[in-house]
Amino acid sequence: MLKKSFRSKYRPEFPGDFNFDYKDPVTLSRFIMESGKIIPSRISKLSMSQQRKVAAAVRKARSLALLPVGSEAYDKFDKAEPVSPKPFEI
């Protein structure tokens, strides 16, 4: 008998104890729509506790101007670039 494959309800790349950091706008921008809204958990495939952590981190990052606030800001705001962990050398 064939075993049915199923899609997991949650994202495998974010374990349950993953700490969403407000100082990491690259990761947080994955959970924000182009209109500026936070993506709901049924679409982002995060658990309820993870969704609360993401929402709190996004709000904190917006208050510190690491992420834009409002829909018109997303037209003019550049996407955050990933920062290399290696130190810069000349």
N, C-alpha and C. Protein backbone atom coordinates (compact mmCIF):
# COMPACT_ATOMS: atom_id res chain seq x y z
N MET A 1 0.83 -1.18 0.00
CA MET A 1 0.00 0.00 0.00
C MET A 1 0.87 1.25 0.00
N LEU A 2 0.50 2.24 -0.81
CA LEU A 2 1.28 3.46 -0.91
C LEU A 2 0.97 4.39 0.26
N LYS A 3 2.03 4.97 0.77
CA LYS A 3 1.86 5.93 1.86
C LYS A 3 1.60 7.31 1.26
N LYS A 4 0.56 7.97 1.70
CA LYS A 4 0.24 9.29 1.18
C LYS A 4 1.23 10.32 1.73
N SER A 5 1.71 11.15 0.82
CA SER A 5 2.57 12.24 1.27
C SER A 5 1.68 13.41 1.65
N PHE A 6 2.07 14.12 2.67
CA PHE A 6 1.29 15.26 3.12
C PHE A 6 2.22 16.44 3.39
N ARG A 7 1.68 17.62 3.23
CA ARG A 7 2.42 18.83 3.51
C ARG A 7 2.28 19.18 4.97
N SER A 8 3.38 19.50 5.58
CA SER A 8 3.35 19.88 6.99
C SER A 8 2.62 21.20 7.16
N LYS A 9 1.95 21.33 8.28
CA LYS A 9 1.21 22.56 8.56
C LYS A 9 2.14 23.73 8.83
N TYR A 10 3.34 23.42 9.35
CA TYR A 10 4.26 24.48 9.75
C TYR A 10 5.52 24.46 8.89
N ARG A 11 6.23 25.57 8.89
CA ARG A 11 7.45 25.70 8.10
C ARG A 11 8.59 24.98 8.78
N PRO A 12 9.31 24.14 8.05
CA PRO A 12 10.42 23.42 8.68
C PRO A 12 11.64 24.31 8.97
N GLU A 13 11.79 25.45 8.25
CA GLU A 13 12.99 26.25 8.46
C GLU A 13 12.93 27.10 9.73
N PHE A 14 11.77 27.19 10.35
CA PHE A 14 11.64 27.92 11.61
C PHE A 14 11.15 26.97 12.69
N PRO A 15 12.06 26.39 13.49
CA PRO A 15 11.61 25.49 14.56
C PRO A 15 10.80 26.24 15.60
N GLY A 16 10.15 25.51 16.48
CA GLY A 16 9.25 26.10 17.46
C GLY A 16 9.91 27.10 18.38
N ASP A 17 11.20 26.91 18.68
CA ASP A 17 11.89 27.81 19.60
C ASP A 17 12.72 28.87 18.87
N PHE A 18 12.44 29.09 17.58
CA PHE A 18 13.19 30.08 16.80
C PHE A 18 12.88 31.47 17.33
N ASN A 19 13.93 32.27 17.51
CA ASN A 19 13.78 33.63 18.03
C ASN A 19 13.83 34.61 16.87
N PHE A 20 12.70 35.25 16.56
CA PHE A 20 12.65 36.25 15.50
C PHE A 20 13.21 37.55 16.06
N ASP A 21 14.31 38.01 15.47
CA ASP A 21 15.01 39.18 15.98
C ASP A 21 14.56 40.43 15.25
N TYR A 22 14.23 41.47 15.99
CA TYR A 22 13.77 42.71 15.37
C TYR A 22 14.91 43.42 14.64
N LYS A 23 16.17 43.05 14.92
CA LYS A 23 17.31 43.68 14.27
C LYS A 23 17.67 43.00 12.95
N ASP A 24 16.85 42.02 12.51
CA ASP A 24 17.10 41.29 11.26
C ASP A 24 15.97 41.59 10.27
N PRO A 25 16.05 42.72 9.55
CA PRO A 25 14.95 43.10 8.65
C PRO A 25 14.81 42.19 7.44
N VAL A 26 15.88 41.46 7.08
CA VAL A 26 15.80 40.56 5.92
C VAL A 26 14.83 39.42 6.21
N THR A 27 14.94 38.81 7.39
CA THR A 27 14.04 37.72 7.76
C THR A 27 12.62 38.25 7.97
N LEU A 28 12.50 39.40 8.61
CA LEU A 28 11.17 39.95 8.89
C LEU A 28 10.45 40.41 7.64
N SER A 29 11.21 40.86 6.62
CA SER A 29 10.56 41.33 5.39
C SER A 29 9.91 40.19 4.63
N ARG A 30 10.26 38.95 4.93
CA ARG A 30 9.60 37.79 4.31
C ARG A 30 8.16 37.65 4.79
N PHE A 31 7.85 38.22 5.94
CA PHE A 31 6.53 38.09 6.54
C PHE A 31 5.70 39.36 6.40
N ILE A 32 6.07 40.23 5.46
CA ILE A 32 5.34 41.47 5.23
C ILE A 32 4.92 41.52 3.77
N MET A 33 3.64 41.84 3.53
CA MET A 33 3.15 41.97 2.15
C MET A 33 3.68 43.26 1.53
N GLU A 34 3.49 43.37 0.21
CA GLU A 34 3.92 44.59 -0.48
C GLU A 34 3.11 45.80 -0.03
N SER A 35 1.90 45.56 0.45
CA SER A 35 1.07 46.66 0.93
C SER A 35 1.47 47.12 2.34
N GLY A 36 2.36 46.37 3.00
CA GLY A 36 2.83 46.76 4.32
C GLY A 36 2.21 45.98 5.46
N LYS A 37 1.24 45.12 5.15
CA LYS A 37 0.59 44.34 6.20
C LYS A 37 1.42 43.11 6.55
N ILE A 38 1.25 42.64 7.78
CA ILE A 38 1.91 41.41 8.22
C ILE A 38 1.11 40.24 7.65
N ILE A 39 1.82 39.27 7.06
CA ILE A 39 1.17 38.11 6.44
C ILE A 39 0.53 37.26 7.52
N PRO A 40 -0.73 36.82 7.36
CA PRO A 40 -1.39 35.99 8.37
C PRO A 40 -0.76 34.61 8.48
N SER A 41 -0.97 33.97 9.63
CA SER A 41 -0.31 32.68 9.90
C SER A 41 -0.80 31.57 8.98
N ARG A 42 -2.03 31.66 8.47
CA ARG A 42 -2.51 30.60 7.58
C ARG A 42 -1.78 30.63 6.25
N ILE A 43 -1.22 31.79 5.88
CA ILE A 43 -0.44 31.90 4.66
C ILE A 43 1.04 31.70 4.94
N SER A 44 1.54 32.26 6.03
CA SER A 44 2.96 32.17 6.34
C SER A 44 3.35 30.82 6.94
N LYS A 45 2.37 30.00 7.31
CA LYS A 45 2.60 28.66 7.87
C LYS A 45 3.40 28.70 9.17
N LEU A 46 3.12 29.69 10.00
CA LEU A 46 3.74 29.78 11.32
C LEU A 46 2.72 29.38 12.37
N SER A 47 3.22 28.88 13.50
CA SER A 47 2.32 28.56 14.60
C SER A 47 1.84 29.86 15.25
N MET A 48 0.85 29.74 16.12
CA MET A 48 0.29 30.94 16.75
C MET A 48 1.34 31.68 17.57
N SER A 49 2.16 30.95 18.32
CA SER A 49 3.17 31.62 19.14
C SER A 49 4.25 32.26 18.26
N GLN A 50 4.61 31.59 17.15
CA GLN A 50 5.59 32.17 16.24
C GLN A 50 5.02 33.42 15.57
N GLN A 51 3.74 33.38 15.22
CA GLN A 51 3.11 34.54 14.57
C GLN A 51 3.10 35.74 15.51
N ARG A 52 2.84 35.50 16.80
CA ARG A 52 2.89 36.59 17.77
C ARG A 52 4.30 37.17 17.88
N LYS A 53 5.31 36.28 17.87
CA LYS A 53 6.70 36.75 17.96
C LYS A 53 7.09 37.56 16.73
N VAL A 54 6.65 37.11 15.54
CA VAL A 54 6.94 37.84 14.30
C VAL A 54 6.27 39.20 14.33
N ALA A 55 5.00 39.24 14.73
CA ALA A 55 4.27 40.51 14.76
C ALA A 55 4.92 41.50 15.72
N ALA A 56 5.34 41.01 16.88
CA ALA A 56 6.00 41.89 17.85
C ALA A 56 7.34 42.38 17.32
N ALA A 57 8.09 41.50 16.66
CA ALA A 57 9.39 41.90 16.09
C ALA A 57 9.21 42.91 14.96
N VAL A 58 8.18 42.72 14.13
CA VAL A 58 7.92 43.66 13.03
C VAL A 58 7.53 45.02 13.59
N ARG A 59 6.67 45.03 14.60
CA ARG A 59 6.26 46.31 15.19
C ARG A 59 7.45 47.04 15.80
N LYS A 60 8.33 46.29 16.47
CA LYS A 60 9.50 46.91 17.08
C LYS A 60 10.46 47.43 16.01
N ALA A 61 10.65 46.66 14.93
CA ALA A 61 11.53 47.09 13.84
C ALA A 61 10.97 48.31 13.14
N ARG A 62 9.65 48.39 13.01
CA ARG A 62 9.04 49.58 12.40
C ARG A 62 9.23 50.81 13.26
N SER A 63 9.13 50.63 14.57
CA SER A 63 9.28 51.78 15.46
C SER A 63 10.72 52.29 15.47
N LEU A 64 11.67 51.41 15.15
CA LEU A 64 13.07 51.81 15.08
C LEU A 64 13.50 52.16 13.66
N ALA A 65 12.55 52.20 12.72
CA ALA A 65 12.77 52.56 11.31
C ALA A 65 13.67 51.57 10.59
N LEU A 66 13.69 50.32 11.03
CA LEU A 66 14.40 49.28 10.29
C LEU A 66 13.52 48.73 9.18
N LEU A 67 12.21 48.83 9.36
CA LEU A 67 11.23 48.46 8.34
C LEU A 67 10.32 49.66 8.11
N PRO A 68 9.81 49.81 6.88
CA PRO A 68 8.94 50.96 6.60
C PRO A 68 7.56 50.80 7.23
N VAL A 69 6.89 51.92 7.45
CA VAL A 69 5.55 51.94 8.01
C VAL A 69 4.61 52.54 6.97
N GLY A 70 3.50 51.86 6.69
CA GLY A 70 2.52 52.37 5.74
C GLY A 70 2.73 51.87 4.33
N SER A 71 1.64 51.83 3.56
CA SER A 71 1.70 51.24 2.22
C SER A 71 2.48 52.10 1.23
N GLU A 72 2.39 53.44 1.34
CA GLU A 72 3.12 54.27 0.37
C GLU A 72 4.62 54.21 0.60
N ALA A 73 5.04 53.86 1.82
CA ALA A 73 6.47 53.76 2.11
C ALA A 73 7.09 52.58 1.38
N TYR A 74 6.30 51.54 1.09
CA TYR A 74 6.84 50.35 0.45
C TYR A 74 7.16 50.59 -1.02
N ASP A 75 6.61 51.65 -1.62
CA ASP A 75 6.96 51.98 -3.00
C ASP A 75 8.34 52.61 -3.08
N LYS A 76 8.72 53.35 -2.06
CA LYS A 76 9.98 54.08 -2.08
C LYS A 76 11.08 53.41 -1.28
N PHE A 77 10.72 52.45 -0.42
CA PHE A 77 11.68 51.83 0.49
C PHE A 77 12.35 50.66 -0.21
N ASP A 78 13.69 50.60 -0.20
CA ASP A 78 14.42 49.49 -0.81
C ASP A 78 14.36 48.27 0.09
N LYS A 79 14.43 47.10 -0.53
CA LYS A 79 14.46 45.86 0.25
C LYS A 79 15.77 45.82 1.04
N ALA A 80 15.71 45.26 2.23
CA ALA A 80 16.90 45.14 3.05
C ALA A 80 17.85 44.13 2.44
N GLU A 81 19.12 44.49 2.37
CA GLU A 81 20.10 43.58 1.80
C GLU A 81 20.70 42.73 2.89
N PRO A 82 20.93 41.45 2.59
CA PRO A 82 21.58 40.60 3.59
C PRO A 82 23.00 41.08 3.87
N VAL A 83 23.39 41.11 5.11
CA VAL A 83 24.70 41.59 5.51
C VAL A 83 25.61 40.39 5.70
N SER A 84 26.80 40.46 5.14
CA SER A 84 27.75 39.37 5.26
C SER A 84 28.34 39.35 6.66
N PRO A 85 28.50 38.15 7.25
CA PRO A 85 29.09 38.09 8.60
C PRO A 85 30.59 38.35 8.59
N LYS A 86 31.23 38.30 7.40
CA LYS A 86 32.66 38.55 7.32
C LYS A 86 32.94 40.04 7.46
N PRO A 87 34.01 40.42 8.16
CA PRO A 87 34.34 41.84 8.26
C PRO A 87 34.82 42.38 6.91
N PHE A 88 34.59 43.65 6.72
CA PHE A 88 34.98 44.31 5.47
C PHE A 88 36.48 44.54 5.44
N GLU A 89 37.12 44.22 4.30
CA GLU A 89 38.56 44.45 4.16
C GLU A 89 38.81 45.29 2.91
N ILE A 90 39.85 46.11 2.99
CA ILE A 90 40.21 46.95 1.84
C ILE A 90 41.25 46.25 1.01
